[in-house]
Amino acid sequence: MANLFDVAMVFAVALLVALVLSFNIPEMLDDQSTVTLVKNPRHTRYGDHRQRPE
């Protein structure tokens, strides 16, 4: 019978693979692809997502 730790490791690896595929990380790692990352300037550095007064 499989050890509970082994089952947890397989589950964790499966979640990481699903996360990588859902965020299209393989496309970012491809040398031939063109990827642009955009940062929202309205976010503060502390993670507060409220808009700054203009």
PDB file of N, CA and C in Angstrom:
ATOM      1  N   MET A   1       0.844  -1.197   0.000  1.00  0.00           N
ATOM      2  CA  MET A   1       0.000   0.000   0.000  1.00  0.00           C
ATOM      3  C   MET A   1       0.880   1.247   0.000  1.00  0.00           C
ATOM      4  N   ALA A   2       0.451   2.220  -0.726  1.00  0.00           N
ATOM      5  CA  ALA A   2       1.250   3.441  -0.868  1.00  0.00           C
ATOM      6  C   ALA A   2       1.261   4.231   0.434  1.00  0.00           C
ATOM      7  N   ASN A   3       2.383   4.837   0.671  1.00  0.00           N
ATOM      8  CA  ASN A   3       2.538   5.675   1.843  1.00  0.00           C
ATOM      9  C   ASN A   3       1.752   6.970   1.633  1.00  0.00           C
ATOM     10  N   LEU A   4       1.207   7.534   2.683  1.00  0.00           N
ATOM     11  CA  LEU A   4       0.433   8.764   2.588  1.00  0.00           C
ATOM     12  C   LEU A   4       1.300   9.921   2.091  1.00  0.00           C
ATOM     13  N   PHE A   5       2.567   9.936   2.471  1.00  0.00           N
ATOM     14  CA  PHE A   5       3.484  10.960   1.996  1.00  0.00           C
ATOM     15  C   PHE A   5       3.659  10.873   0.488  1.00  0.00           C
ATOM     16  N   ASP A   6       3.769   9.672  -0.045  1.00  0.00           N
ATOM     17  CA  ASP A   6       3.916   9.493  -1.491  1.00  0.00           C
ATOM     18  C   ASP A   6       2.684  10.000  -2.237  1.00  0.00           C
ATOM     19  N   VAL A   7       1.524   9.718  -1.712  1.00  0.00           N
ATOM     20  CA  VAL A   7       0.283  10.181  -2.325  1.00  0.00           C
ATOM     21  C   VAL A   7       0.230  11.713  -2.300  1.00  0.00           C
ATOM     22  N   ALA A   8       0.653  12.313  -1.187  1.00  0.00           N
ATOM     23  CA  ALA A   8       0.654  13.774  -1.078  1.00  0.00           C
ATOM     24  C   ALA A   8       1.636  14.398  -2.067  1.00  0.00           C
ATOM     25  N   MET A   9       2.794  13.772  -2.252  1.00  0.00           N
ATOM     26  CA  MET A   9       3.784  14.288  -3.208  1.00  0.00           C
ATOM     27  C   MET A   9       3.262  14.218  -4.645  1.00  0.00           C
ATOM     28  N   VAL A  10       2.621  13.127  -5.002  1.00  0.00           N
ATOM     29  CA  VAL A  10       2.057  12.993  -6.347  1.00  0.00           C
ATOM     30  C   VAL A  10       0.976  14.042  -6.556  1.00  0.00           C
ATOM     31  N   PHE A  11       0.149  14.273  -5.553  1.00  0.00           N
ATOM     32  CA  PHE A  11      -0.902  15.276  -5.646  1.00  0.00           C
ATOM     33  C   PHE A  11      -0.311  16.680  -5.796  1.00  0.00           C
ATOM     34  N   ALA A  12       0.736  16.981  -5.029  1.00  0.00           N
ATOM     35  CA  ALA A  12       1.363  18.300  -5.097  1.00  0.00           C
ATOM     36  C   ALA A  12       2.004  18.533  -6.462  1.00  0.00           C
ATOM     37  N   VAL A  13       2.664  17.534  -6.998  1.00  0.00           N
ATOM     38  CA  VAL A  13       3.277  17.667  -8.313  1.00  0.00           C
ATOM     39  C   VAL A  13       2.203  17.847  -9.383  1.00  0.00           C
ATOM     40  N   ALA A  14       1.107  17.134  -9.262  1.00  0.00           N
ATOM     41  CA  ALA A  14       0.016  17.281 -10.222  1.00  0.00           C
ATOM     42  C   ALA A  14      -0.573  18.694 -10.170  1.00  0.00           C
ATOM     43  N   LEU A  15      -0.701  19.252  -8.978  1.00  0.00           N
ATOM     44  CA  LEU A  15      -1.201  20.623  -8.860  1.00  0.00           C
ATOM     45  C   LEU A  15      -0.224  21.627  -9.473  1.00  0.00           C
ATOM     46  N   LEU A  16       1.077  21.424  -9.270  1.00  0.00           N
ATOM     47  CA  LEU A  16       2.069  22.320  -9.861  1.00  0.00           C
ATOM     48  C   LEU A  16       2.055  22.253 -11.383  1.00  0.00           C
ATOM     49  N   VAL A  17       1.908  21.065 -11.927  1.00  0.00           N
ATOM     50  CA  VAL A  17       1.837  20.913 -13.382  1.00  0.00           C
ATOM     51  C   VAL A  17       0.588  21.594 -13.918  1.00  0.00           C
ATOM     52  N   ALA A  18      -0.532  21.444 -13.244  1.00  0.00           N
ATOM     53  CA  ALA A  18      -1.763  22.092 -13.676  1.00  0.00           C
ATOM     54  C   ALA A  18      -1.633  23.614 -13.607  1.00  0.00           C
ATOM     55  N   LEU A  19      -0.956  24.121 -12.587  1.00  0.00           N
ATOM     56  CA  LEU A  19      -0.747  25.557 -12.453  1.00  0.00           C
ATOM     57  C   LEU A  19       0.125  26.085 -13.584  1.00  0.00           C
ATOM     58  N   VAL A  20       1.193  25.379 -13.898  1.00  0.00           N
ATOM     59  CA  VAL A  20       2.087  25.793 -14.976  1.00  0.00           C
ATOM     60  C   VAL A  20       1.348  25.806 -16.309  1.00  0.00           C
ATOM     61  N   LEU A  21       0.548  24.801 -16.558  1.00  0.00           N
ATOM     62  CA  LEU A  21      -0.173  24.741 -17.830  1.00  0.00           C
ATOM     63  C   LEU A  21      -1.282  25.788 -17.907  1.00  0.00           C
ATOM     64  N   SER A  22      -1.904  26.111 -16.782  1.00  0.00           N
ATOM     65  CA  SER A  22      -3.001  27.077 -16.816  1.00  0.00           C
ATOM     66  C   SER A  22      -2.506  28.503 -17.026  1.00  0.00           C
ATOM     67  N   PHE A  23      -1.289  28.811 -16.602  1.00  0.00           N
ATOM     68  CA  PHE A  23      -0.736  30.153 -16.783  1.00  0.00           C
ATOM     69  C   PHE A  23       0.122  30.263 -18.031  1.00  0.00           C
ATOM     70  N   ASN A  24       0.115  29.255 -18.884  1.00  0.00           N
ATOM     71  CA  ASN A  24       0.874  29.254 -20.132  1.00  0.00           C
ATOM     72  C   ASN A  24       2.358  29.516 -19.913  1.00  0.00           C
ATOM     73  N   ILE A  25       2.900  28.969 -18.847  1.00  0.00           N
ATOM     74  CA  ILE A  25       4.320  29.130 -18.546  1.00  0.00           C
ATOM     75  C   ILE A  25       5.197  28.520 -19.643  1.00  0.00           C
ATOM     76  N   PRO A  26       4.826  27.393 -20.257  1.00  0.00           N
ATOM     77  CA  PRO A  26       5.679  26.876 -21.340  1.00  0.00           C
ATOM     78  C   PRO A  26       5.871  27.882 -22.467  1.00  0.00           C
ATOM     79  N   GLU A  27       4.858  28.704 -22.734  1.00  0.00           N
ATOM     80  CA  GLU A  27       4.991  29.734 -23.760  1.00  0.00           C
ATOM     81  C   GLU A  27       6.019  30.782 -23.343  1.00  0.00           C
ATOM     82  N   MET A  28       6.079  31.100 -22.063  1.00  0.00           N
ATOM     83  CA  MET A  28       7.050  32.075 -21.581  1.00  0.00           C
ATOM     84  C   MET A  28       8.477  31.538 -21.641  1.00  0.00           C
ATOM     85  N   LEU A  29       8.642  30.238 -21.524  1.00  0.00           N
ATOM     86  CA  LEU A  29       9.973  29.645 -21.525  1.00  0.00           C
ATOM     87  C   LEU A  29      10.490  29.352 -22.929  1.00  0.00           C
ATOM     88  N   ASP A  30       9.637  29.491 -23.928  1.00  0.00           N
ATOM     89  CA  ASP A  30      10.036  29.213 -25.307  1.00  0.00           C
ATOM     90  C   ASP A  30      10.857  30.375 -25.855  1.00  0.00           C
ATOM     91  N   ASP A  31      12.001  30.071 -26.480  1.00  0.00           N
ATOM     92  CA  ASP A  31      12.872  31.109 -27.036  1.00  0.00           C
ATOM     93  C   ASP A  31      12.251  31.814 -28.230  1.00  0.00           C
ATOM     94  N   GLN A  32      11.378  31.151 -28.948  1.00  0.00           N
ATOM     95  CA  GLN A  32      10.804  31.717 -30.165  1.00  0.00           C
ATOM     96  C   GLN A  32       9.557  32.566 -29.911  1.00  0.00           C
ATOM     97  N   SER A  33       8.988  32.500 -28.720  1.00  0.00           N
ATOM     98  CA  SER A  33       7.747  33.227 -28.458  1.00  0.00           C
ATOM     99  C   SER A  33       8.035  34.654 -27.998  1.00  0.00           C
ATOM    100  N   THR A  34       7.063  35.518 -28.228  1.00  0.00           N
ATOM    101  CA  THR A  34       7.154  36.905 -27.794  1.00  0.00           C
ATOM    102  C   THR A  34       6.103  37.117 -26.712  1.00  0.00           C
ATOM    103  N   VAL A  35       6.563  37.447 -25.520  1.00  0.00           N
ATOM    104  CA  VAL A  35       5.661  37.615 -24.384  1.00  0.00           C
ATOM    105  C   VAL A  35       5.876  39.004 -23.807  1.00  0.00           C
ATOM    106  N   THR A  36       4.788  39.688 -23.500  1.00  0.00           N
ATOM    107  CA  THR A  36       4.856  40.994 -22.869  1.00  0.00           C
ATOM    108  C   THR A  36       4.179  40.921 -21.512  1.00  0.00           C
ATOM    109  N   LEU A  37       4.894  41.308 -20.468  1.00  0.00           N
ATOM    110  CA  LEU A  37       4.335  41.360 -19.130  1.00  0.00           C
ATOM    111  C   LEU A  37       3.935  42.802 -18.842  1.00  0.00           C
ATOM    112  N   VAL A  38       2.727  43.000 -18.333  1.00  0.00           N
ATOM    113  CA  VAL A  38       2.215  44.333 -18.048  1.00  0.00           C
ATOM    114  C   VAL A  38       1.933  44.418 -16.560  1.00  0.00           C
ATOM    115  N   LYS A  39       2.477  45.456 -15.928  1.00  0.00           N
ATOM    116  CA  LYS A  39       2.232  45.682 -14.513  1.00  0.00           C
ATOM    117  C   LYS A  39       1.242  46.826 -14.366  1.00  0.00           C
ATOM    118  N   ASN A  40       0.254  46.644 -13.507  1.00  0.00           N
ATOM    119  CA  ASN A  40      -0.749  47.673 -13.277  1.00  0.00           C
ATOM    120  C   ASN A  40      -0.144  48.749 -12.369  1.00  0.00           C
ATOM    121  N   PRO A  41       0.012  49.978 -12.859  1.00  0.00           N
ATOM    122  CA  PRO A  41       0.651  51.015 -12.029  1.00  0.00           C
ATOM    123  C   PRO A  41      -0.230  51.523 -10.892  1.00  0.00           C
ATOM    124  N   ARG A  42      -1.489  51.157 -10.876  1.00  0.00           N
ATOM    125  CA  ARG A  42      -2.378  51.624  -9.813  1.00  0.00           C
ATOM    126  C   ARG A  42      -2.234  50.821  -8.527  1.00  0.00           C
ATOM    127  N   HIS A  43      -1.546  49.708  -8.560  1.00  0.00           N
ATOM    128  CA  HIS A  43      -1.371  48.908  -7.352  1.00  0.00           C
ATOM    129  C   HIS A  43      -0.209  49.459  -6.537  1.00  0.00           C
ATOM    130  N   THR A  44      -0.386  49.488  -5.236  1.00  0.00           N
ATOM    131  CA  THR A  44       0.710  49.917  -4.379  1.00  0.00           C
ATOM    132  C   THR A  44       1.645  48.748  -4.132  1.00  0.00           C
ATOM    133  N   ARG A  45       2.779  49.020  -3.568  1.00  0.00           N
ATOM    134  CA  ARG A  45       3.743  47.953  -3.355  1.00  0.00           C
ATOM    135  C   ARG A  45       3.348  47.024  -2.213  1.00  0.00           C
ATOM    136  N   TYR A  46       2.364  47.395  -1.411  1.00  0.00           N
ATOM    137  CA  TYR A  46       1.931  46.560  -0.301  1.00  0.00           C
ATOM    138  C   TYR A  46       0.735  45.687  -0.658  1.00  0.00           C
ATOM    139  N   GLY A  47       0.351  45.665  -1.916  1.00  0.00           N
ATOM    140  CA  GLY A  47      -0.739  44.798  -2.332  1.00  0.00           C
ATOM    141  C   GLY A  47      -2.116  45.395  -2.153  1.00  0.00           C
ATOM    142  N   ASP A  48      -2.187  46.676  -1.821  1.00  0.00           N
ATOM    143  CA  ASP A  48      -3.473  47.320  -1.674  1.00  0.00           C
ATOM    144  C   ASP A  48      -4.008  47.641  -3.066  1.00  0.00           C
ATOM    145  N   HIS A  49      -5.165  47.108  -3.409  1.00  0.00           N
ATOM    146  CA  HIS A  49      -5.690  47.221  -4.765  1.00  0.00           C
ATOM    147  C   HIS A  49      -6.639  48.404  -4.925  1.00  0.00           C
ATOM    148  N   ARG A  50      -6.708  49.290  -3.944  1.00  0.00           N
ATOM    149  CA  ARG A  50      -7.545  50.473  -4.093  1.00  0.00           C
ATOM    150  C   ARG A  50      -6.867  51.450  -5.031  1.00  0.00           C
ATOM    151  N   GLN A  51      -7.667  52.202  -5.765  1.00  0.00           N
ATOM    152  CA  GLN A  51      -7.112  53.169  -6.704  1.00  0.00           C
ATOM    153  C   GLN A  51      -6.611  54.397  -5.959  1.00  0.00           C
ATOM    154  N   ARG A  52      -5.514  54.932  -6.446  1.00  0.00           N
ATOM    155  CA  ARG A  52      -4.953  56.144  -5.878  1.00  0.00           C
ATOM    156  C   ARG A  52      -5.756  57.344  -6.369  1.00  0.00           C
ATOM    157  N   PRO A  53      -5.887  58.380  -5.544  1.00  0.00           N
ATOM    158  CA  PRO A  53      -6.570  59.591  -6.033  1.00  0.00           C
ATOM    159  C   PRO A  53      -5.745  60.260  -7.109  1.00  0.00           C
ATOM    160  N   GLU A  54      -6.421  60.742  -8.129  1.00  0.00           N
ATOM    161  CA  GLU A  54      -5.706  61.344  -9.257  1.00  0.00           C
ATOM    162  C   GLU A  54      -5.680  62.844  -9.208  1.00  0.00           C
TER     163      GLU A  54
END
